[in-house]
Amino acid sequence: MIRFNCPCGAEVFFESRICQFCKRALAFNPSTMSFEVLPQQAALTEPDADKTLCQNGIDFGVCNWLAHKDASDGLCSGCQYNRTIPNLSRTENIKRWEVIEAGKKRLLYGLLRLGIPITSGWQLPGKGLLFDFLEDQRSNPEAEASFITTGFLDGIITLNVLEADPALRFVEQQAANEVYRTVLGHLRHESGHYVYSLFTEDHCLQQSFAALFGDSSEDYNQALQRFYANGATPDWDRDYITPYASSHPLEDWAETWGHYLHLHDTLETAASFKLIPTPLRDQTFDERIQSWRDLSVGFNELNRSMGLNDAYPFVINEKVAEKLQFANAVTDAVKTQNLESAVAPPHS
């Protein structure tokens, strides 16, 4: 994450909606990766207003991006990737949706910065990307479904809205015996399954994938059943970033990709705030991994100094570093320099 400024020069942040210095309303423009001042509220209804807050920001306060200029529904390019939003008749879901949108926008920002091409499921059904934010009877006894699993299928990233509730998410984290569980972490992991679909036809990348991660054609359902019945592979920490990564090659890839995004975004933030001496563009990927090892130890100790849990409770050994190198190679292979195709307006 880079540092942002209001047009007046004051520092603002990725989730900012008002400049605390000049007090003007702001919106993030993903095309320019910068904040712009919104017109006065009275001007928002004028047909020729060229800077309008996303309708989800106006109606529900859950978005701070500019509406896409060609969107007849008034949504930003990021919100147009939503296929299903939470049931807003339950007022607590508006706050949950705000948390989810914040994580999703950080995901899209990271993919945009990397140049990952994204096509929406509206444009390319079954292969493009869409999001479903659903609830089940664990968070809402009146919900239709008894159990909603966060996951990815046919271009759809599904997130259970209970993940946006800290107390409910903690219960799930304890039940799964996990050391880390966040909305953003889920979204980054699931985006890995989408990115995998971008290089399935690349023979060289698929060969490298098989050598590092294993045979992706292994029966997925059987592998997951085996994992949940027997637990992680013995000595999983020699070859995998998490226990879950040992369940199946595609989950190993998704976990690796999620951590690749953690690494890239956090190092970019650290460089932007001059917490590391060398800009990312001037570092080889090996140097980035070493910078990440050094930085993560430092901010884990800072967290402990404040009585908090480790922010990054993982170890990047040489095998995991090799897999992260592959994720970086995939990025180089599939990325585009055209920002409009990196986060294209899905439909109008």
Foldseek 3Di string as FASTA:
>chain_A
DFWAAEPVGHTDDPLDQADPPVRFGWAAELQVRYIYGADPPVCQPPPPRPWHAAPCCVPQVQHRHTFDNPDPNRHRLQVLQEPAAEDCVPVVSSQLSSQLSVLSVLVLSLLLVLQFFAAHCLVVPLQGAHEHEYEACVVPVPGPHNDDDQADGSRYGYDHSLLSPVVSVVVVCVVVVHPDGHSNLSVQLRVLLSLCSLCPVPVVLVVVLCVQQNDQPPPLVVLVVCCVVPNADVVVQVAAFDRQLRSGSSSRRSNLRSVLSVLVVVLQHCVNVVVDPDHPVPDDLVRSVVVSVVVQVVVQVVQVVVVHHRPRPTDCDPSSSVSSVSSSVSSVVRGDPNSCRSSPRHHD
